Amino acid sequence: MLKVYSSPVTMMAYHVKNLLEQNDISCTIKGEQLSSAIGGIAPIDAWIEVWIFNDDQVEEAQNIVNAIISDHAASTESRKCPECAEEIDGSFSECWKCGKELD
C-alpha cells in the first residue's frame, strides 16, 4: 500500500478516493478518527490519508491527485471584477459589491 494524498478536509479525501475508484484504482481512507486527537498530536498527523492498494498504479493515481489539486487551486484564486475592480475570492461566481456575473 502507498499513500497518495492527505488533507485536513475529510470531503477532499473522499473526493480523491471516489475519483481514484472511478478510474479502477482500489484505495482506502486512513486516519479519519485521528481528528479527535488534535491537541495530543501535531495537527498534520491527524490529516486524513488516501492509500492505494496496488503500487503499480501510483503514477496514474498521482496524475489524478495532481489534477484535483490543480483544479482546486485554480477555482480558489482571487480575481478582480471587470465592472468595479473589487477583489473577489475565486469561489464566487458574481461580484459581491456590484453584482456583476464573473466568467
N, C-alpha and C. Protein backbone atom coordinates (compact mmCIF):
# COMPACT_ATOMS: atom_id res chain seq x y z
N MET A 1 0.85 -1.19 0.00
CA MET A 1 0.00 0.00 0.00
C MET A 1 0.88 1.24 0.00
N LEU A 2 0.35 2.31 -0.62
CA LEU A 2 1.12 3.53 -0.74
C LEU A 2 0.19 4.73 -0.57
N LYS A 3 0.62 5.69 0.26
CA LYS A 3 -0.17 6.90 0.47
C LYS A 3 0.00 7.82 -0.75
N VAL A 4 -1.13 8.29 -1.30
CA VAL A 4 -1.07 9.18 -2.46
C VAL A 4 -1.66 10.56 -2.19
N TYR A 5 -2.32 10.73 -1.03
CA TYR A 5 -2.94 12.02 -0.74
C TYR A 5 -3.23 12.12 0.74
N SER A 6 -3.11 13.34 1.28
CA SER A 6 -3.54 13.61 2.65
C SER A 6 -4.10 15.02 2.72
N SER A 7 -5.05 15.22 3.62
CA SER A 7 -5.72 16.51 3.73
C SER A 7 -6.36 16.64 5.11
N PRO A 8 -6.47 17.88 5.60
CA PRO A 8 -7.22 18.08 6.84
C PRO A 8 -8.73 18.10 6.58
N VAL A 9 -9.11 18.09 5.30
CA VAL A 9 -10.52 18.20 4.91
C VAL A 9 -11.05 16.82 4.48
N THR A 10 -11.91 16.26 5.27
CA THR A 10 -12.46 14.93 5.01
C THR A 10 -13.10 14.86 3.63
N MET A 11 -13.86 15.88 3.27
CA MET A 11 -14.56 15.89 1.98
C MET A 11 -13.58 15.77 0.81
N MET A 12 -12.43 16.44 0.88
CA MET A 12 -11.45 16.37 -0.20
C MET A 12 -10.86 14.96 -0.30
N ALA A 13 -10.58 14.35 0.84
CA ALA A 13 -10.04 12.99 0.83
C ALA A 13 -11.03 12.03 0.18
N TYR A 14 -12.31 12.16 0.49
CA TYR A 14 -13.31 11.28 -0.11
C TYR A 14 -13.51 11.60 -1.59
N HIS A 15 -13.35 12.85 -1.97
CA HIS A 15 -13.42 13.23 -3.39
C HIS A 15 -12.30 12.52 -4.16
N VAL A 16 -11.09 12.58 -3.62
CA VAL A 16 -9.95 11.90 -4.24
C VAL A 16 -10.22 10.40 -4.32
N LYS A 17 -10.67 9.82 -3.23
CA LYS A 17 -10.96 8.38 -3.20
C LYS A 17 -11.97 8.01 -4.28
N ASN A 18 -13.04 8.78 -4.38
CA ASN A 18 -14.08 8.49 -5.38
C ASN A 18 -13.53 8.57 -6.80
N LEU A 19 -12.73 9.59 -7.10
CA LEU A 19 -12.17 9.71 -8.44
C LEU A 19 -11.18 8.59 -8.75
N LEU A 20 -10.40 8.20 -7.77
CA LEU A 20 -9.48 7.07 -7.98
C LEU A 20 -10.27 5.80 -8.28
N GLU A 21 -11.31 5.55 -7.51
CA GLU A 21 -12.11 4.34 -7.72
C GLU A 21 -12.83 4.38 -9.07
N GLN A 22 -13.24 5.55 -9.53
CA GLN A 22 -13.85 5.67 -10.85
C GLN A 22 -12.86 5.30 -11.96
N ASN A 23 -11.57 5.43 -11.65
CA ASN A 23 -10.52 5.06 -12.60
C ASN A 23 -9.94 3.68 -12.30
N ASP A 24 -10.71 2.86 -11.60
CA ASP A 24 -10.33 1.47 -11.28
C ASP A 24 -9.05 1.37 -10.47
N ILE A 25 -8.86 2.31 -9.56
CA ILE A 25 -7.72 2.26 -8.64
C ILE A 25 -8.29 1.98 -7.25
N SER A 26 -8.03 0.79 -6.73
CA SER A 26 -8.52 0.42 -5.40
C SER A 26 -7.78 1.21 -4.34
N CYS A 27 -8.53 1.79 -3.42
CA CYS A 27 -7.91 2.62 -2.38
C CYS A 27 -8.74 2.60 -1.11
N THR A 28 -8.18 3.19 -0.08
CA THR A 28 -8.86 3.26 1.21
C THR A 28 -8.50 4.57 1.90
N ILE A 29 -9.33 4.93 2.85
CA ILE A 29 -9.12 6.12 3.69
C ILE A 29 -8.53 5.66 5.01
N LYS A 30 -7.51 6.37 5.49
CA LYS A 30 -6.94 6.09 6.81
C LYS A 30 -6.90 7.38 7.63
N GLY A 31 -6.99 7.23 8.94
CA GLY A 31 -6.80 8.35 9.85
C GLY A 31 -8.03 9.20 10.09
N GLU A 32 -9.17 8.72 9.68
CA GLU A 32 -10.39 9.52 9.82
C GLU A 32 -10.74 9.84 11.28
N GLN A 33 -10.43 8.96 12.18
CA GLN A 33 -10.75 9.18 13.59
C GLN A 33 -9.69 9.98 14.34
N LEU A 34 -8.57 10.30 13.70
CA LEU A 34 -7.48 10.99 14.39
C LEU A 34 -7.78 12.45 14.71
N SER A 35 -8.77 13.04 14.05
CA SER A 35 -9.06 14.45 14.30
C SER A 35 -9.43 14.70 15.76
N SER A 36 -9.96 13.71 16.44
CA SER A 36 -10.30 13.86 17.85
C SER A 36 -9.05 13.90 18.74
N ALA A 37 -7.90 13.53 18.18
CA ALA A 37 -6.65 13.52 18.96
C ALA A 37 -5.88 14.83 18.83
N ILE A 38 -6.37 15.77 18.01
CA ILE A 38 -5.66 17.05 17.86
C ILE A 38 -5.57 17.71 19.23
N GLY A 39 -4.41 18.18 19.54
CA GLY A 39 -4.10 18.71 20.86
C GLY A 39 -3.12 17.78 21.55
N GLY A 40 -3.29 16.48 21.32
CA GLY A 40 -2.37 15.49 21.85
C GLY A 40 -1.32 15.09 20.83
N ILE A 41 -1.63 15.35 19.55
CA ILE A 41 -0.67 15.09 18.48
C ILE A 41 -0.62 16.33 17.57
N ALA A 42 0.40 16.41 16.75
CA ALA A 42 0.50 17.53 15.81
C ALA A 42 -0.68 17.49 14.84
N PRO A 43 -1.25 18.65 14.51
CA PRO A 43 -2.41 18.67 13.60
C PRO A 43 -2.17 17.93 12.29
N ILE A 44 -0.99 18.06 11.70
CA ILE A 44 -0.73 17.38 10.42
C ILE A 44 -0.75 15.86 10.57
N ASP A 45 -0.47 15.37 11.75
CA ASP A 45 -0.52 13.92 11.99
C ASP A 45 -1.95 13.39 12.04
N ALA A 46 -2.92 14.30 12.11
CA ALA A 46 -4.32 13.91 12.17
C ALA A 46 -5.02 14.08 10.82
N TRP A 47 -4.26 14.42 9.78
CA TRP A 47 -4.87 14.56 8.46
C TRP A 47 -5.36 13.21 7.95
N ILE A 48 -6.43 13.25 7.16
CA ILE A 48 -6.99 12.06 6.56
C ILE A 48 -6.14 11.69 5.34
N GLU A 49 -5.88 10.41 5.16
CA GLU A 49 -5.00 9.96 4.08
C GLU A 49 -5.73 9.01 3.15
N VAL A 50 -5.34 9.08 1.86
CA VAL A 50 -5.84 8.14 0.86
C VAL A 50 -4.67 7.25 0.45
N TRP A 51 -4.86 5.96 0.57
CA TRP A 51 -3.83 4.97 0.25
C TRP A 51 -4.35 4.08 -0.87
N ILE A 52 -3.46 3.78 -1.83
CA ILE A 52 -3.84 2.85 -2.89
C ILE A 52 -3.27 1.47 -2.55
N PHE A 53 -3.95 0.43 -3.03
CA PHE A 53 -3.53 -0.94 -2.74
C PHE A 53 -2.46 -1.44 -3.71
N ASN A 54 -2.53 -1.01 -4.97
CA ASN A 54 -1.63 -1.53 -5.99
C ASN A 54 -0.53 -0.51 -6.29
N ASP A 55 0.70 -0.79 -5.88
CA ASP A 55 1.82 0.13 -6.09
C ASP A 55 2.09 0.37 -7.58
N ASP A 56 1.65 -0.52 -8.45
CA ASP A 56 1.85 -0.35 -9.89
C ASP A 56 0.99 0.79 -10.46
N GLN A 57 0.00 1.23 -9.69
CA GLN A 57 -0.89 2.29 -10.16
C GLN A 57 -0.53 3.65 -9.58
N VAL A 58 0.62 3.77 -8.95
CA VAL A 58 0.98 5.01 -8.26
C VAL A 58 1.07 6.20 -9.22
N GLU A 59 1.65 6.00 -10.39
CA GLU A 59 1.79 7.11 -11.33
C GLU A 59 0.42 7.62 -11.80
N GLU A 60 -0.45 6.69 -12.14
CA GLU A 60 -1.80 7.07 -12.56
C GLU A 60 -2.54 7.77 -11.42
N ALA A 61 -2.40 7.24 -10.21
CA ALA A 61 -3.06 7.85 -9.05
C ALA A 61 -2.52 9.26 -8.80
N GLN A 62 -1.20 9.44 -8.89
CA GLN A 62 -0.61 10.76 -8.67
C GLN A 62 -1.07 11.76 -9.73
N ASN A 63 -1.22 11.31 -10.97
CA ASN A 63 -1.73 12.19 -12.02
C ASN A 63 -3.14 12.67 -11.71
N ILE A 64 -3.97 11.78 -11.21
CA ILE A 64 -5.34 12.14 -10.84
C ILE A 64 -5.33 13.11 -9.67
N VAL A 65 -4.53 12.81 -8.65
CA VAL A 65 -4.42 13.69 -7.47
C VAL A 65 -3.91 15.07 -7.88
N ASN A 66 -2.88 15.12 -8.72
CA ASN A 66 -2.34 16.41 -9.15
C ASN A 66 -3.37 17.23 -9.92
N ALA A 67 -4.18 16.57 -10.74
CA ALA A 67 -5.24 17.26 -11.48
C ALA A 67 -6.27 17.84 -10.53
N ILE A 68 -6.63 17.09 -9.49
CA ILE A 68 -7.60 17.57 -8.50
C ILE A 68 -7.04 18.79 -7.78
N ILE A 69 -5.80 18.70 -7.35
CA ILE A 69 -5.17 19.82 -6.63
C ILE A 69 -5.09 21.05 -7.53
N SER A 70 -4.71 20.85 -8.77
CA SER A 70 -4.60 21.96 -9.72
C SER A 70 -5.96 22.61 -9.97
N ASP A 71 -7.00 21.79 -10.17
CA ASP A 71 -8.35 22.32 -10.38
C ASP A 71 -8.84 23.09 -9.16
N HIS A 72 -8.56 22.56 -7.97
CA HIS A 72 -8.99 23.22 -6.74
C HIS A 72 -8.28 24.55 -6.56
N ALA A 73 -6.97 24.59 -6.83
CA ALA A 73 -6.21 25.84 -6.70
C ALA A 73 -6.71 26.88 -7.68
N ALA A 74 -7.00 26.48 -8.91
CA ALA A 74 -7.47 27.43 -9.92
C ALA A 74 -8.84 27.98 -9.55
N SER A 75 -9.69 27.16 -8.94
CA SER A 75 -11.04 27.62 -8.61
C SER A 75 -11.06 28.52 -7.38
N THR A 76 -9.98 28.58 -6.61
CA THR A 76 -9.97 29.41 -5.41
C THR A 76 -9.10 30.65 -5.54
N GLU A 77 -8.48 30.86 -6.72
CA GLU A 77 -7.66 32.05 -6.92
C GLU A 77 -8.57 33.27 -6.98
N SER A 78 -8.15 34.36 -6.36
CA SER A 78 -8.95 35.58 -6.40
C SER A 78 -8.77 36.27 -7.75
N ARG A 79 -9.72 37.11 -8.07
CA ARG A 79 -9.68 37.87 -9.33
C ARG A 79 -10.38 39.20 -9.14
N LYS A 80 -10.19 40.11 -10.06
CA LYS A 80 -10.82 41.43 -9.99
C LYS A 80 -12.09 41.43 -10.82
N CYS A 81 -13.10 42.08 -10.28
CA CYS A 81 -14.35 42.26 -11.01
C CYS A 81 -14.09 43.19 -12.19
N PRO A 82 -14.52 42.82 -13.41
CA PRO A 82 -14.29 43.67 -14.57
C PRO A 82 -15.12 44.96 -14.54
N GLU A 83 -16.15 44.97 -13.72
CA GLU A 83 -17.04 46.13 -13.64
C GLU A 83 -16.55 47.17 -12.64
N CYS A 84 -16.22 46.74 -11.41
CA CYS A 84 -15.88 47.70 -10.34
C CYS A 84 -14.48 47.51 -9.78
N ALA A 85 -13.74 46.52 -10.27
CA ALA A 85 -12.36 46.22 -9.85
C ALA A 85 -12.24 45.72 -8.41
N GLU A 86 -13.34 45.29 -7.82
CA GLU A 86 -13.31 44.70 -6.48
C GLU A 86 -12.60 43.36 -6.53
N GLU A 87 -11.77 43.06 -5.53
CA GLU A 87 -11.08 41.77 -5.44
C GLU A 87 -12.09 40.72 -4.96
N ILE A 88 -12.28 39.67 -5.75
CA ILE A 88 -13.30 38.65 -5.48
C ILE A 88 -12.62 37.30 -5.28
N ASP A 89 -12.99 36.60 -4.23
CA ASP A 89 -12.49 35.25 -3.98
C ASP A 89 -12.91 34.34 -5.13
N GLY A 90 -12.03 33.44 -5.54
CA GLY A 90 -12.27 32.58 -6.69
C GLY A 90 -13.45 31.65 -6.57
N SER A 91 -13.95 31.43 -5.38
CA SER A 91 -15.07 30.52 -5.22
C SER A 91 -16.42 31.17 -5.53
N PHE A 92 -16.42 32.49 -5.78
CA PHE A 92 -17.66 33.20 -6.06
C PHE A 92 -17.86 33.36 -7.56
N SER A 93 -19.11 33.34 -8.01
CA SER A 93 -19.40 33.48 -9.43
C SER A 93 -19.93 34.86 -9.79
N GLU A 94 -20.15 35.70 -8.77
CA GLU A 94 -20.54 37.08 -9.05
C GLU A 94 -19.94 38.02 -8.01
N CYS A 95 -19.80 39.27 -8.40
CA CYS A 95 -19.20 40.28 -7.52
C CYS A 95 -20.15 40.61 -6.37
N TRP A 96 -19.64 40.62 -5.17
CA TRP A 96 -20.48 40.94 -4.02
C TRP A 96 -20.68 42.45 -3.86
N LYS A 97 -19.88 43.26 -4.56
CA LYS A 97 -20.01 44.70 -4.48
C LYS A 97 -21.03 45.26 -5.48
N CYS A 98 -20.90 44.86 -6.76
CA CYS A 98 -21.77 45.41 -7.79
C CYS A 98 -22.75 44.40 -8.39
N GLY A 99 -22.54 43.10 -8.10
CA GLY A 99 -23.46 42.07 -8.59
C GLY A 99 -23.16 41.55 -9.98
N LYS A 100 -22.09 42.04 -10.61
CA LYS A 100 -21.70 41.59 -11.96
C LYS A 100 -21.36 40.11 -11.93
N GLU A 101 -21.92 39.34 -12.89
CA GLU A 101 -21.58 37.92 -13.01
C GLU A 101 -20.17 37.80 -13.57
N LEU A 102 -19.36 36.93 -12.94
CA LEU A 102 -17.97 36.75 -13.35
C LEU A 102 -17.85 35.55 -14.27
N ASP A 103 -16.90 35.61 -15.19
CA ASP A 103 -16.67 34.50 -16.13
C ASP A 103 -15.93 33.38 -15.47
